Protein backbone atom coordinates (compact mmCIF):
# COMPACT_ATOMS: atom_id res chain seq x y z
CA MET A 1 0.55 17.18 -31.10
CA GLU A 2 1.37 18.68 -27.73
CA ASP A 3 5.09 19.11 -27.10
CA TYR A 4 5.57 17.27 -23.80
CA ARG A 5 9.29 18.03 -23.83
CA ARG A 6 8.62 21.47 -22.44
CA TYR A 7 7.77 19.79 -19.14
CA LEU A 8 11.42 18.83 -18.83
CA ASN A 9 12.05 22.52 -18.11
CA PRO A 10 12.09 23.16 -14.32
CA GLN A 11 10.78 26.71 -14.77
CA VAL A 12 7.69 25.34 -16.51
CA LEU A 13 7.22 22.67 -13.85
CA ASN A 14 7.35 25.32 -11.16
CA LYS A 15 3.99 26.65 -12.40
CA ILE A 16 2.28 23.30 -11.74
CA SER A 17 1.20 22.70 -8.17
CA ARG A 18 0.93 18.90 -7.85
CA LEU A 19 4.15 16.91 -7.65
CA ASP A 20 2.54 13.74 -9.01
CA LEU A 21 1.46 15.62 -12.12
CA LYS A 22 4.92 17.12 -12.51
CA ALA A 23 6.52 13.68 -12.30
CA ARG A 24 4.18 12.21 -14.91
CA LEU A 25 4.65 15.12 -17.30
CA VAL A 26 8.44 14.95 -16.99
CA VAL A 27 8.51 11.24 -17.78
CA GLU A 28 6.00 11.57 -20.64
CA GLY A 29 7.95 14.50 -22.03
CA TYR A 30 11.17 12.57 -21.82
CA ILE A 31 9.76 9.44 -23.43
CA ALA A 32 8.13 11.51 -26.17
CA GLY A 33 11.57 12.89 -27.03
CA LEU A 34 13.28 9.54 -27.26
CA HIS A 35 13.91 7.76 -30.54
CA ARG A 36 14.03 4.41 -28.80
CA SER A 37 12.25 2.76 -25.90
CA PRO A 38 13.40 3.83 -22.40
CA TYR A 39 12.39 0.42 -21.08
CA ARG A 40 15.24 -1.50 -22.68
CA GLY A 41 17.10 -3.74 -20.29
CA VAL A 42 13.95 -4.95 -18.51
CA SER A 43 13.40 -8.70 -18.39
CA GLN A 44 10.12 -9.44 -20.20
CA GLU A 45 7.95 -12.52 -20.57
CA PHE A 46 5.13 -12.89 -23.07
CA ALA A 47 1.73 -12.77 -21.34
CA ALA A 48 -1.11 -12.47 -23.89
CA HIS A 49 -2.42 -10.93 -27.11
CA ARG A 50 -4.82 -8.05 -27.43
CA GLU A 51 -6.34 -6.40 -30.46
CA TYR A 52 -4.34 -3.60 -32.03
CA VAL A 53 -5.50 -0.02 -31.48
CA PRO A 54 -4.08 3.07 -33.21
CA GLY A 55 -1.03 4.32 -31.36
CA ASP A 56 0.29 0.89 -30.33
CA ASP A 57 3.97 0.21 -30.99
CA LEU A 58 4.11 -1.55 -34.37
CA ARG A 59 7.15 -3.52 -33.25
CA HIS A 60 4.89 -5.59 -31.00
CA LEU A 61 2.51 -6.66 -33.77
CA ASP A 62 2.26 -10.46 -34.10
CA TRP A 63 2.46 -11.04 -37.85
CA LYS A 64 1.99 -14.78 -37.50
CA VAL A 65 -1.41 -14.23 -35.89
CA PHE A 66 -2.24 -11.68 -38.59
CA GLY A 67 -1.40 -14.29 -41.26
CA ARG A 68 -3.78 -16.77 -39.70
CA SER A 69 -6.66 -14.45 -38.78
CA ASP A 70 -6.23 -11.39 -41.01
CA ARG A 71 -6.59 -9.28 -37.83
CA LEU A 72 -3.96 -7.20 -36.07
CA TYR A 73 -2.95 -8.20 -32.56
CA VAL A 74 -0.11 -6.95 -30.36
CA LYS A 75 1.92 -8.97 -27.90
CA GLN A 76 1.66 -7.98 -24.24
CA TYR A 77 4.45 -8.67 -21.81
CA GLU A 78 4.87 -9.03 -18.08
CA GLN A 79 7.80 -7.07 -16.76
CA GLU A 80 9.83 -8.47 -13.89
CA THR A 81 11.03 -6.34 -11.01
CA ASN A 82 14.78 -6.51 -11.61
CA LEU A 83 16.15 -3.47 -9.83
CA ILE A 84 15.99 -2.13 -6.28
CA CYS A 85 16.84 1.56 -6.05
CA TYR A 86 17.15 3.99 -3.16
CA LEU A 87 17.03 7.74 -3.68
CA LEU A 88 19.13 9.65 -1.14
CA LEU A 89 17.93 13.26 -1.13
CA ASP A 90 19.89 16.00 0.65
CA VAL A 91 17.53 18.28 2.63
CA SER A 92 20.23 20.37 4.31
CA GLU A 93 19.93 24.15 4.53
CA SER A 94 22.17 24.92 1.54
CA MET A 95 19.68 23.14 -0.73
CA SER A 96 17.28 26.04 -0.21
CA TYR A 97 19.46 28.41 -2.26
CA GLY A 98 18.12 29.49 -5.63
CA SER A 99 18.84 32.41 -7.94
CA THR A 100 15.49 31.90 -9.70
CA THR A 101 12.07 30.62 -8.67
CA VAL A 102 13.41 27.04 -8.63
CA ASN A 103 15.94 26.44 -5.86
CA LYS A 104 18.16 23.37 -5.54
CA LEU A 105 15.75 21.47 -3.30
CA GLU A 106 12.79 22.15 -5.58
CA TYR A 107 14.75 20.99 -8.62
CA SER A 108 15.82 17.89 -6.70
CA ARG A 109 12.19 17.19 -5.79
CA TYR A 110 11.25 17.23 -9.47
CA LEU A 111 14.15 14.94 -10.30
CA ALA A 112 13.45 12.46 -7.48
CA ALA A 113 9.73 12.42 -8.28
CA ALA A 114 10.35 11.79 -11.99
CA LEU A 115 12.84 9.01 -11.26
CA SER A 116 10.40 7.40 -8.80
CA PHE A 117 7.58 7.57 -11.34
CA LEU A 118 9.76 6.06 -14.06
CA MET A 119 10.97 3.24 -11.81
CA VAL A 120 7.48 2.22 -10.73
CA GLN A 121 6.37 2.31 -14.37
CA GLN A 122 9.20 -0.12 -15.10
CA GLN A 123 8.17 -2.40 -12.22
CA ASP A 124 11.34 -1.51 -10.31
CA ALA A 125 11.36 -1.04 -6.54
CA VAL A 126 12.18 2.45 -5.25
CA GLY A 127 12.86 3.71 -1.74
CA LEU A 128 13.62 7.14 -0.33
CA VAL A 129 16.04 8.50 2.28
CA LEU A 130 15.95 12.17 3.33
CA PHE A 131 19.07 13.38 5.12
CA ASP A 132 21.08 16.33 6.39
CA ARG A 133 23.53 15.65 9.25
CA GLN A 134 21.41 12.62 10.04
CA VAL A 135 18.79 10.48 8.35
CA ARG A 136 15.46 12.30 8.63
CA LYS A 137 13.18 9.85 6.87
CA THR A 138 13.48 6.38 5.38
CA ILE A 139 10.90 4.70 3.13
CA PRO A 140 11.68 1.07 2.17
CA ALA A 141 11.86 0.12 -1.49
CA ARG A 142 8.59 -1.06 -3.04
CA SER A 143 7.04 -1.10 -6.50
CA SER A 144 3.40 -0.03 -6.48
CA THR A 145 1.29 3.05 -7.15
CA PRO A 146 0.31 3.55 -3.47
CA HIS A 147 3.99 3.36 -2.55
CA LEU A 148 4.83 5.92 -5.24
CA ASN A 149 2.20 8.24 -3.76
CA LEU A 150 3.84 7.90 -0.33
CA ILE A 151 7.23 8.86 -1.75
CA LEU A 152 5.75 11.85 -3.58
CA LYS A 153 4.05 12.98 -0.37
CA GLU A 154 7.33 12.88 1.56
CA LEU A 155 9.13 14.72 -1.25
CA SER A 156 6.46 17.43 -1.25
CA GLU A 157 6.78 17.97 2.49
CA ALA A 158 10.59 17.89 2.69
CA GLN A 159 12.04 21.13 4.04
CA PRO A 160 15.70 22.25 4.27
CA THR A 161 17.04 22.04 7.81
CA LEU A 162 20.60 21.63 9.11
CA LYS A 163 24.16 21.10 7.92
CA THR A 164 25.16 18.24 5.58
CA ASP A 165 27.22 15.39 6.99
CA PHE A 166 27.31 12.65 4.40
CA LYS A 167 29.93 10.55 6.16
CA ALA A 168 27.88 10.48 9.35
CA ILE A 169 24.73 9.25 7.64
CA SER A 170 26.37 6.65 5.39
CA ASP A 171 26.52 3.93 8.06
CA ASP A 172 22.85 4.49 8.92
CA VAL A 173 21.90 4.35 5.24
CA THR A 174 23.71 1.09 4.60
CA THR A 175 21.74 -0.67 7.34
CA HIS A 176 18.62 -0.21 5.20
CA LEU A 177 20.24 -1.65 2.07
CA ALA A 178 19.56 -5.34 2.61
CA GLN A 179 19.85 -6.23 -1.08
CA LYS A 180 22.30 -5.11 -3.71
CA GLY A 181 20.93 -2.54 -6.09
CA LEU A 182 21.30 1.07 -7.13
CA VAL A 183 21.73 4.09 -4.85
CA ILE A 184 21.12 7.53 -6.34
CA VAL A 185 22.46 10.49 -4.35
CA ILE A 186 20.86 13.88 -5.09
CA SER A 187 22.76 16.65 -3.33
CA ASP A 188 24.76 19.85 -3.74
CA LEU A 189 27.57 17.98 -1.91
CA PHE A 190 28.38 20.99 0.24
CA ASP A 191 30.59 19.18 2.73
CA GLU A 192 34.29 18.41 3.02
CA PRO A 193 35.32 16.31 -0.03
CA GLU A 194 36.97 13.63 2.10
CA ARG A 195 33.76 13.18 4.13
CA ILE A 196 31.61 12.95 1.01
CA LEU A 197 33.92 10.44 -0.65
CA SER A 198 34.30 8.42 2.54
CA GLY A 199 30.50 8.13 2.79
CA LEU A 200 30.17 7.13 -0.86
CA GLU A 201 32.93 4.54 -0.47
CA ARG A 202 31.05 2.94 2.44
CA ILE A 203 27.91 2.59 0.35
CA ARG A 204 29.90 1.24 -2.58
CA ALA A 205 31.64 -1.24 -0.28
CA LYS A 206 28.24 -2.76 0.49
CA GLY A 207 28.03 -3.88 -3.14
CA GLN A 208 25.73 -1.07 -4.23
CA GLU A 209 25.99 0.65 -7.61
CA VAL A 210 25.93 4.43 -7.16
CA ILE A 211 24.99 7.50 -9.19
CA VAL A 212 25.70 10.96 -7.78
CA PHE A 213 23.66 13.86 -9.12
CA ASN A 214 25.50 16.98 -7.97
CA ILE A 215 22.84 19.73 -8.06
CA LEU A 216 24.16 23.28 -8.26
CA ASP A 217 22.48 26.61 -8.88
CA GLU A 218 23.41 28.48 -12.02
CA TYR A 219 24.79 31.40 -9.95
CA GLU A 220 26.92 29.04 -7.87
CA VAL A 221 28.53 27.83 -11.08
CA ARG A 222 28.97 31.21 -12.82
CA PHE A 223 29.24 33.63 -9.84
CA PRO A 224 27.84 36.53 -11.91
CA PHE A 225 27.62 39.09 -9.08
CA GLU A 226 29.00 42.57 -9.83
CA ARG A 227 28.02 44.98 -7.03
CA MET A 228 28.71 44.95 -3.31
CA THR A 229 26.72 41.97 -2.08
CA ARG A 230 25.67 40.51 1.25
CA PHE A 231 26.12 36.76 1.08
CA GLU A 232 23.85 34.97 3.53
CA GLY A 233 25.56 32.22 5.48
CA MET A 234 24.04 28.72 5.34
CA GLU A 235 24.81 25.55 7.26
CA GLU A 236 26.29 27.45 10.24
CA TYR A 237 28.45 29.82 8.18
CA PRO A 238 28.27 33.58 8.95
CA GLN A 239 27.16 36.38 6.62
CA LEU A 240 29.72 38.01 4.36
CA PHE A 241 29.47 41.54 2.91
CA ALA A 242 31.99 41.89 0.09
CA ASP A 243 32.81 43.10 -3.39
CA PRO A 244 32.29 39.93 -5.48
CA ARG A 245 34.71 41.10 -8.16
CA THR A 246 37.57 40.62 -5.71
CA LEU A 247 36.34 37.10 -4.89
CA ARG A 248 35.36 35.76 -8.31
CA ASN A 249 38.63 34.26 -9.54
CA GLU A 250 39.47 32.61 -6.23
CA TYR A 251 35.90 31.39 -5.78
CA LEU A 252 35.75 29.81 -9.25
CA LYS A 253 39.16 28.19 -8.76
CA THR A 254 38.12 26.78 -5.37
CA LEU A 255 34.86 25.47 -6.83
CA GLU A 256 36.61 23.78 -9.75
CA ASP A 257 39.18 22.21 -7.42
CA PHE A 258 36.36 20.91 -5.21
CA LEU A 259 34.37 19.47 -8.12
CA SER A 260 37.48 17.93 -9.68
CA ARG A 261 38.30 16.17 -6.44
CA ILE A 262 34.76 14.79 -6.19
CA ARG A 263 34.86 13.63 -9.83
CA ARG A 264 38.20 11.90 -9.38
CA GLY A 265 37.06 10.23 -6.17
CA CYS A 266 33.90 8.94 -7.81
CA LEU A 267 35.84 7.67 -10.81
CA ALA A 268 38.22 5.77 -8.52
CA GLU A 269 35.25 4.01 -6.88
CA ARG A 270 33.44 3.38 -10.19
CA ILE A 271 30.66 5.76 -9.17
CA ASP A 272 28.77 7.64 -11.89
CA TYR A 273 29.06 11.39 -11.26
CA VAL A 274 26.73 13.83 -13.03
CA ARG A 275 26.85 17.57 -12.35
CA ILE A 276 23.56 19.36 -13.04
CA SER A 277 22.68 23.04 -12.90
CA THR A 278 19.15 24.04 -11.91
CA ASP A 279 18.65 25.78 -15.25
CA GLN A 280 19.17 22.50 -17.14
CA MET A 281 16.45 20.28 -18.54
CA LEU A 282 15.72 17.17 -16.49
CA ASP A 283 16.42 14.74 -19.34
CA VAL A 284 20.15 14.83 -18.52
CA ALA A 285 19.52 13.01 -15.25
CA LEU A 286 16.93 10.61 -16.69
CA THR A 287 19.32 9.60 -19.47
CA ALA A 288 22.12 8.98 -16.96
CA TYR A 289 19.81 6.81 -14.85
CA LEU A 290 18.60 4.71 -17.81
CA ALA A 291 22.15 4.22 -19.06
CA LYS A 292 23.20 2.96 -15.64
CA ARG A 293 20.10 0.77 -15.40
CA GLU A 294 20.86 -0.87 -18.73
CA ARG A 295 24.43 -1.68 -17.65
CA LEU A 296 23.06 -3.39 -14.55
């Protein structure tokens, strides 16, 4: 049997051109690797029987019907839409950085597409907000295949632009959140910690549950540079030509202090914080989402 789990690898996904296919393969690969159903926590009502075919989940066999008819039938269910989710995707300039063929924005596209696909499969409503220093695009939350295609189209066309300002966009975002639900932020969070946390607090104050996926490149985490290097400035910062060996310790300390402050701030607001490197498999984020979904 084909090992779908390999499609959880962003480097493999990068070789596939269509985002809709990437999203489907990620979700199928993830589900294939689970030992239990990822659809737990969904309200279900019995709808009808249909005849069993090889490959159906044996847990849904109706043994009472089998006892009466000597034929195998499975129970079918109608799933209720019980979650409204908005994906907030950072499209600022720093998201274009990548030490490999998959930069932070590309990885985030895969993640947002897979989450959108999974939500629509679960009959949940999903919306999309693209932002940098302002909201660039807003798609209301819906649950349908045509709506999923619209979200995937916008994700495919998203390009990195200006500087991040999460505090500035938080008020605009909350005006689109008419109902309580789940907000998923996908960003490298390259902004002042107090501005990030202030923006998250505003969203949380509107009664929204929040997950933050902090997307970082592997090189940003490890800082493996050895020779004299020209560091290109992003988000209005200038270039820097320096010996990275003289910067490494201070850089890593500053990064850890920054991430610790974000983690503590999220914990204080009961916000789920998940740090992800672009060399990681996508199942980390999918598992975090499903765990949050079940709690809700």
